[in-house]
Protein backbone atom coordinates (compact mmCIF):
# COMPACT_ATOMS: atom_id res chain seq x y z
CA MET A 1 2.81 -26.22 10.65
CA SER A 2 2.66 -26.13 14.31
CA LYS A 3 4.72 -23.13 16.34
CA ARG A 4 8.02 -24.17 17.76
CA LYS A 5 7.91 -24.17 21.57
CA LEU A 6 10.55 -21.87 23.08
CA SER A 7 12.55 -23.13 25.99
CA ARG A 8 12.67 -21.10 29.29
CA GLN A 9 16.13 -19.75 28.53
CA GLN A 10 15.10 -18.76 25.07
CA ARG A 11 11.96 -16.80 26.55
CA TRP A 12 14.14 -15.14 29.00
CA ARG A 13 16.69 -13.97 26.27
CA ILE A 14 13.63 -12.70 24.37
CA GLU A 15 12.34 -10.71 27.34
CA LYS A 16 15.66 -9.37 28.13
CA ILE A 17 16.08 -8.04 24.60
CA GLN A 18 12.81 -6.50 24.54
CA ALA A 19 13.30 -4.92 27.89
CA GLU A 20 16.64 -3.47 26.70
CA ARG A 21 15.10 -2.02 23.59
CA SER A 22 12.26 -0.43 25.56
CA ARG A 23 15.02 0.94 28.02
CA ARG A 24 16.91 2.60 25.27
CA ALA A 25 13.76 4.16 23.83
CA GLU A 26 12.95 5.78 27.17
CA GLN A 27 16.43 6.97 27.29
CA ARG A 28 16.13 8.68 23.89
CA ASP A 29 12.74 10.01 24.95
CA ALA A 30 14.18 11.40 28.29
CA LYS A 31 17.15 12.94 26.32
CA ASP A 32 14.71 14.64 23.78
CA SER A 33 12.52 15.90 26.55
CA HIS A 34 15.52 17.55 28.21
CA LYS A 35 16.72 18.91 24.90
CA LEU A 36 13.10 20.17 24.26
CA ALA A 37 12.97 21.86 27.68
CA ALA A 38 16.29 23.53 27.33
CA GLY A 39 15.46 25.01 24.06
CA GLU A 40 18.04 23.01 22.09
CA TYR A 41 15.08 22.23 19.45
CA GLY A 42 13.43 25.00 17.44
CA PRO A 43 9.71 25.85 17.37
CA GLU A 44 6.90 23.37 16.14
CA ARG A 45 6.42 23.08 12.38
CA PRO A 46 4.33 20.74 10.39
CA GLY A 47 5.77 18.10 8.10
CA ARG A 48 5.31 14.73 6.23
CA VAL A 49 6.87 11.44 7.06
CA ILE A 50 8.88 10.50 4.07
CA ALA A 51 10.18 7.13 5.32
CA HIS A 52 10.00 5.10 8.47
CA TYR A 53 12.98 3.16 10.14
CA GLY A 54 11.86 1.79 13.30
CA ARG A 55 12.30 4.46 16.16
CA THR A 56 13.49 7.07 13.50
CA LEU A 57 11.82 8.96 10.57
CA ASP A 58 12.69 11.04 7.55
CA VAL A 59 10.56 14.01 7.86
CA GLN A 60 10.21 16.75 5.08
CA GLY A 61 8.94 20.22 6.33
CA ASP A 62 6.15 22.03 4.46
CA GLY A 63 7.81 23.90 1.72
CA SER A 64 11.09 22.17 1.98
CA GLU A 65 12.78 20.06 -0.63
CA THR A 66 15.07 18.17 1.88
CA SER A 67 14.21 15.72 4.77
CA VAL A 68 15.49 15.55 8.07
CA ARG A 69 16.18 12.40 10.27
CA CYS A 70 14.04 12.69 13.31
CA HIS A 71 13.62 10.77 16.50
CA LEU A 72 10.26 9.45 17.49
CA ARG A 73 8.95 10.20 20.85
CA ALA A 74 8.29 6.96 22.89
CA ASN A 75 4.69 7.96 23.26
CA LEU A 76 4.17 7.99 19.72
CA GLU A 77 3.53 4.59 18.06
CA GLY A 78 2.31 3.41 14.76
CA LEU A 79 3.54 6.20 12.45
CA VAL A 80 3.89 5.45 8.78
CA THR A 81 5.03 7.04 5.57
CA GLY A 82 2.62 9.70 4.49
CA ASP A 83 1.63 10.66 8.04
CA ARG A 84 1.44 14.41 8.62
CA VAL A 85 3.15 15.19 11.93
CA ILE A 86 4.49 18.23 14.07
CA TRP A 87 8.20 18.32 14.71
CA ARG A 88 10.96 20.45 15.99
CA ALA A 89 14.32 20.71 14.65
CA ALA A 90 17.88 21.12 16.08
CA GLN A 91 20.54 23.22 14.44
CA ASP A 92 24.31 23.20 14.62
CA ALA A 93 26.47 26.34 15.18
CA GLU A 94 26.23 27.24 11.39
CA GLY A 95 22.39 27.32 11.64
CA ASN A 96 22.03 23.98 9.54
CA VAL A 97 19.17 21.59 10.61
CA VAL A 98 20.99 18.39 11.83
CA GLU A 99 18.27 16.40 13.31
CA GLY A 100 14.78 16.63 14.62
CA VAL A 101 12.14 15.14 16.95
CA VAL A 102 8.64 14.37 16.07
CA VAL A 103 6.26 15.50 18.84
CA ALA A 104 2.71 14.91 17.52
CA ARG A 105 0.94 13.18 14.68
CA SER A 106 -1.87 15.21 12.87
CA GLU A 107 -5.28 13.73 12.02
CA ARG A 108 -5.32 10.92 9.39
CA GLN A 109 -7.44 11.14 6.21
CA ASN A 110 -7.04 7.37 5.91
CA VAL A 111 -4.57 4.45 6.38
CA LEU A 112 -3.61 1.55 4.36
CA GLU A 113 -3.13 -1.54 6.17
CA ARG A 114 -2.44 -5.08 5.19
CA PRO A 115 -2.27 -8.29 7.42
CA ASP A 116 1.26 -9.89 8.38
CA ALA A 117 1.88 -13.48 8.49
CA ARG A 118 0.03 -13.80 11.75
CA GLY A 119 -3.09 -12.24 10.50
CA GLN A 120 -2.35 -8.89 12.44
CA LEU A 121 -3.07 -5.69 10.59
CA LYS A 122 0.15 -3.66 9.79
CA PRO A 123 0.00 -0.04 8.59
CA VAL A 124 1.80 0.62 5.35
CA ALA A 125 0.99 4.35 4.50
CA ALA A 126 -1.26 7.01 5.38
CA ASN A 127 -3.17 9.87 3.66
CA ILE A 128 -3.45 8.49 0.33
CA ASP A 129 -5.74 9.51 -2.54
CA GLN A 130 -5.60 6.49 -4.69
CA ILE A 131 -4.13 3.14 -4.86
CA LEU A 132 -2.49 2.27 -8.23
CA ILE A 133 -2.75 -1.58 -8.84
CA VAL A 134 0.09 -2.44 -11.24
CA PHE A 135 -0.05 -5.44 -13.35
CA ALA A 136 1.71 -6.41 -16.64
CA VAL A 137 2.01 -8.81 -19.60
CA GLU A 138 4.79 -10.61 -17.63
CA PRO A 139 4.46 -11.96 -14.97
CA ALA A 140 1.06 -12.95 -16.34
CA PRO A 141 -1.67 -11.21 -14.15
CA HIS A 142 -4.29 -13.22 -12.42
CA PRO A 143 -7.91 -11.78 -12.42
CA ASN A 144 -8.35 -13.07 -8.69
CA LEU A 145 -5.18 -11.34 -7.56
CA ILE A 146 -6.48 -8.09 -9.08
CA ASP A 147 -9.80 -8.68 -7.56
CA ARG A 148 -8.05 -9.06 -4.15
CA TYR A 149 -6.40 -5.79 -4.43
CA LEU A 150 -9.70 -4.10 -5.45
CA VAL A 151 -11.45 -5.69 -2.46
CA ALA A 152 -8.63 -4.45 -0.16
CA ALA A 153 -8.77 -0.97 -1.63
CA GLU A 154 -12.60 -0.67 -1.34
CA ALA A 155 -12.32 -1.82 2.29
CA THR A 156 -9.98 1.00 2.99
CA GLY A 157 -12.21 3.61 1.21
CA ILE A 158 -9.29 4.57 -0.85
CA ALA A 159 -9.94 4.95 -4.69
CA PRO A 160 -8.34 2.17 -6.72
CA VAL A 161 -6.86 2.63 -10.26
CA LEU A 162 -5.74 -0.29 -12.63
CA VAL A 163 -2.25 0.42 -14.21
CA LEU A 164 -1.43 -2.13 -17.08
CA ASN A 165 2.39 -1.86 -17.52
CA LYS A 166 4.55 -3.18 -20.41
CA ILE A 167 1.89 -2.58 -22.96
CA ASP A 168 4.82 -2.72 -25.67
CA LEU A 169 4.73 -6.52 -25.11
CA LEU A 170 0.94 -6.82 -25.85
CA PRO A 171 -0.02 -8.42 -29.11
CA GLU A 172 -1.83 -6.00 -31.64
CA SER A 173 -5.09 -7.61 -31.03
CA GLY A 174 -4.69 -6.97 -27.35
CA GLY A 175 -5.68 -10.48 -26.48
CA GLU A 176 -7.15 -11.59 -23.22
CA LEU A 177 -5.95 -8.82 -21.29
CA ARG A 178 -7.80 -6.23 -23.25
CA ALA A 179 -10.83 -8.20 -22.61
CA LEU A 180 -10.17 -8.10 -18.87
CA LEU A 181 -9.63 -4.37 -18.83
CA ALA A 182 -12.89 -3.82 -20.66
CA ARG A 183 -14.49 -5.77 -17.86
CA TYR A 184 -12.98 -3.62 -15.15
CA GLU A 185 -13.63 -0.42 -17.11
CA ALA A 186 -17.27 -1.42 -17.51
CA LEU A 187 -17.55 -1.53 -13.79
CA GLY A 188 -16.16 2.05 -13.59
CA TYR A 189 -12.62 1.46 -12.52
CA PRO A 190 -10.17 3.86 -14.15
CA VAL A 191 -7.51 2.02 -16.25
CA VAL A 192 -4.27 3.44 -17.40
CA ALA A 193 -1.98 1.78 -19.87
CA THR A 194 1.73 2.54 -19.44
CA THR A 195 5.32 1.51 -20.77
CA THR A 196 8.77 2.63 -20.16
CA ALA A 197 9.69 1.61 -23.68
CA ARG A 198 8.28 4.68 -25.40
CA GLU A 199 9.07 8.19 -25.09
CA ALA A 200 5.39 9.36 -24.42
CA GLY A 201 4.56 5.94 -22.62
CA LEU A 202 3.83 7.49 -19.16
CA ASP A 203 1.73 10.61 -20.35
CA ASP A 204 -1.72 9.05 -19.03
CA LEU A 205 -0.02 7.87 -15.83
CA LEU A 206 1.39 11.49 -15.27
CA ALA A 207 -1.97 13.01 -15.89
CA ARG A 208 -3.60 10.56 -13.25
CA LEU A 209 -0.88 11.24 -10.70
CA ALA A 210 -1.27 15.11 -10.79
CA GLY A 211 -2.61 16.68 -7.66
CA ARG A 212 -2.78 13.24 -5.92
CA THR A 213 -0.87 11.25 -3.31
CA SER A 214 -0.70 7.64 -4.86
CA VAL A 215 0.60 4.35 -3.79
CA PHE A 216 1.89 1.46 -6.03
CA VAL A 217 0.83 -2.12 -5.32
CA GLY A 218 1.03 -5.34 -7.19
CA GLN A 219 2.98 -8.52 -7.95
CA SER A 220 6.97 -8.19 -7.86
CA GLY A 221 8.21 -8.03 -11.35
CA VAL A 222 5.39 -5.83 -12.86
CA GLY A 223 7.59 -2.86 -13.09
CA LYS A 224 6.78 -0.66 -10.08
CA SER A 225 10.26 0.27 -9.54
CA SER A 226 10.98 0.71 -13.26
CA LEU A 227 8.04 3.31 -13.45
CA ILE A 228 9.20 5.15 -10.35
CA ASP A 229 12.69 5.24 -11.90
CA ARG A 230 11.34 6.92 -14.91
CA LEU A 231 9.07 9.28 -12.85
CA LEU A 232 11.88 10.19 -10.69
CA PRO A 233 15.03 10.22 -12.77
CA GLU A 234 17.17 11.72 -10.03
CA GLU A 235 16.34 9.02 -7.59
CA SER A 236 18.69 5.97 -7.44
CA LEU A 237 16.54 2.86 -7.15
CA ARG A 238 17.38 -0.75 -7.32
CA ILE A 239 15.36 -2.57 -10.02
CA GLY A 240 14.93 -6.41 -9.88
CA GLU A 241 15.32 -8.40 -12.99
CA LEU A 242 12.82 -10.89 -13.81
CA SER A 243 13.96 -14.55 -13.39
CA LYS A 244 14.54 -16.23 -16.68
CA ASP A 245 13.24 -19.52 -15.35
CA SER A 246 10.08 -18.43 -13.34
CA ARG A 247 9.40 -15.05 -14.99
CA LYS A 248 8.47 -13.74 -11.59
CA GLY A 249 9.84 -10.82 -9.96
CA THR A 250 12.47 -10.48 -7.08
CA HIS A 251 11.61 -8.08 -4.06
CA THR A 252 13.70 -4.89 -4.24
CA THR A 253 11.97 -2.15 -2.17
CA THR A 254 12.56 -2.64 1.53
CA THR A 255 10.72 0.21 3.16
CA ALA A 256 7.86 2.38 1.99
CA ARG A 257 8.86 5.89 0.83
CA LEU A 258 7.25 8.97 -0.18
CA TYR A 259 8.39 10.87 -3.31
CA ARG A 260 7.43 14.19 -4.87
CA LEU A 261 7.39 13.99 -8.55
CA PRO A 262 9.11 16.68 -10.48
CA THR A 263 7.35 15.57 -13.70
CA ALA A 264 3.72 16.01 -12.56
CA ASP A 265 1.98 18.82 -10.79
CA ASP A 266 1.64 18.50 -6.96
CA ALA A 267 2.15 14.76 -7.28
CA GLU A 268 3.24 12.57 -4.41
CA LEU A 269 4.06 8.86 -4.70
CA ILE A 270 4.63 6.42 -2.07
CA ASP A 271 6.61 3.20 -3.29
CA SER A 272 5.50 0.39 -0.97
CA PRO A 273 7.52 -3.09 -0.62
CA GLY A 274 6.41 -5.62 -3.33
CA ILE A 275 4.18 -8.25 -2.44
CA ARG A 276 2.89 -11.26 -4.49
CA GLU A 277 -0.47 -11.48 -2.82
CA PHE A 278 -2.55 -8.89 -0.65
CA GLY A 279 -3.83 -10.80 2.18
CA LEU A 280 -7.51 -10.41 3.01
CA ILE A 281 -7.79 -12.53 6.17
CA HIS A 282 -8.81 -9.52 8.26
CA LEU A 283 -12.04 -9.21 6.27
CA ASP A 284 -15.24 -11.28 6.74
CA GLU A 285 -17.47 -12.54 4.07
CA GLN A 286 -19.87 -9.60 4.01
CA GLN A 287 -16.89 -7.23 3.61
CA VAL A 288 -15.58 -9.23 0.83
CA ALA A 289 -19.06 -9.25 -0.90
CA GLU A 290 -19.25 -5.57 -0.42
CA GLY A 291 -15.74 -5.16 -2.10
CA PHE A 292 -17.17 -6.37 -5.36
CA ILE A 293 -18.95 -3.17 -6.32
CA GLU A 294 -21.42 -4.62 -8.76
CA PHE A 295 -22.76 -6.85 -5.96
CA ARG A 296 -23.99 -4.02 -3.72
CA ASP A 297 -27.33 -3.42 -5.39
CA PHE A 298 -28.24 -7.16 -4.70
CA LEU A 299 -26.92 -7.45 -1.30
CA GLY A 300 -29.64 -7.87 1.37
CA ARG A 301 -32.15 -8.88 -1.42
CA CYS A 302 -31.86 -12.66 -0.85
CA ARG A 303 -34.80 -14.75 0.42
CA PHE A 304 -32.88 -15.82 3.48
CA ARG A 305 -31.06 -13.31 5.71
CA ASP A 306 -28.20 -15.64 6.45
CA CYS A 307 -27.74 -16.55 2.56
CA ARG A 308 -24.12 -17.25 1.87
CA HIS A 309 -24.64 -17.15 -1.73
CA ARG A 310 -23.88 -20.67 -2.56
CA GLN A 311 -26.79 -22.62 -3.84
CA GLU A 312 -29.57 -21.37 -1.53
CA PRO A 313 -33.01 -20.68 -3.41
CA GLY A 314 -33.84 -17.08 -3.90
CA CYS A 315 -30.12 -15.87 -3.73
CA ALA A 316 -30.14 -12.45 -5.19
CA LEU A 317 -26.56 -12.74 -6.33
CA LEU A 318 -26.85 -16.16 -8.10
CA GLU A 319 -30.06 -14.74 -9.92
CA ALA A 320 -27.92 -11.73 -11.03
CA VAL A 321 -25.18 -13.99 -12.40
CA GLU A 322 -27.77 -15.80 -14.35
CA ARG A 323 -29.31 -12.56 -15.76
CA GLY A 324 -25.93 -11.35 -16.81
CA ASP A 325 -25.87 -8.54 -14.41
CA ILE A 326 -22.81 -10.07 -12.47
CA HIS A 327 -19.91 -11.61 -14.65
CA PRO A 328 -19.65 -15.24 -13.82
CA GLU A 329 -15.73 -14.97 -13.54
CA ARG A 330 -16.07 -12.07 -11.08
CA PHE A 331 -18.56 -14.20 -9.04
CA ALA A 332 -16.23 -17.22 -9.21
CA SER A 333 -13.39 -14.93 -7.97
CA TYR A 334 -15.59 -13.83 -5.13
CA ARG A 335 -16.20 -17.57 -3.98
CA HIS A 336 -12.55 -18.21 -4.28
CA ILE A 337 -11.67 -15.51 -2.01
CA VAL A 338 -14.37 -16.51 0.49
CA ASP A 339 -13.37 -20.04 0.37
CA SER A 340 -9.69 -19.07 1.06
CA LEU A 341 -10.84 -17.05 4.23
CA SER A 342 -12.51 -20.32 5.42
CA GLU A 343 -9.31 -22.22 4.81
CA THR A 344 -7.32 -19.64 6.66
C-alpha cells in the first residue's frame, strides 16, 4: 500500500504541532534548570526507571519501595523502562517527595529493541538478564514464531528462556508440544513449564526469576498478564480474555513497566506490550543464521564464500541437515525467516 501524500496545509499543521511540543519541552527544561539552580531539588541520587510516559517517568530510588513521577530533561532522549538513572527529588513543606527530575542516564548493560511498522528500531527495555519467551497450549504455538524470538534474543545478547504456560491443558502424553520442547532443550535452551491452575504451578518459574531482571515476550493470549498477576498479587492488572471465535488474545498492556517481585529473592520483571510477531527486518541473513545456535559450528565452512545455503554445492549447512546435525524443521524455519526478509 502506497503512502498517502499530505497536502501543504496538512504538512503545515504537523510541523506546527511538532514545533509546539518542542517549545513546551524546552520550557519544562528551562523551568527544571531554574529549580535546580535555586536548590528546589535535592541532591543527586541513583534510581531505576519503572515506567515511561513520553516526557515523564516513574523512577524508584535505590532502597525505596515507592516510585516518583519525574520530568525528563530535554537533552535526555531514548530512556526506557529498566534504565538506571541519576535523579533529584523535590519535597513539599512536610518533607514528602512530590516530584523529581532525571538529570543523567547511567551506562546500560544491554537494551532490548524491536522494529516498529516502518522498520525503525525502538527500544523497549534496558538492563535485562533474561528474556522469557512465553507460549501456551492456546493459542497454538508456532515453532517459527518461537524461532523468531530466539533469533531476536541471540541478536541482543540477552539469554532466552522458553516458558510453556497452561500445562494443565496438555494431554497426558504431552503430544507435539513435548516433542517441540525436547528439541529446544537438546539445543541447550532452558525450558520452564507453568500453570496458574495449580498451587505449585509457578515454583519452577520463581526459581528462574530469582536474582534476575526478566522481560516477558510472546503472543497475545498466552497468559503473560495472568502469570504476572499471580506473581504480583498486590498489583491490579487487566487480563485479556481469549476470543471464543479466534482463540487469540487481546492486547492488554499499554506500556512496559518494571515490577519487583515479593515472591522471589531480588527478582525484577518487566511486562512489555503484547505482540503477535517479533519483527526481524532490522537483521540481515548472516545475523539470522547466527541466531540459530546449532548453525554456528558450520558457518564459514561452505565451499563458496557467498553461499546462501539454498542449493549450492558444498553448503555446510545443507550437509549438516543431511547428517542429522541440524533438525530439518529448524532449517526450514531459518529459510522461512530469510525469505520473509527478502519480501520485506
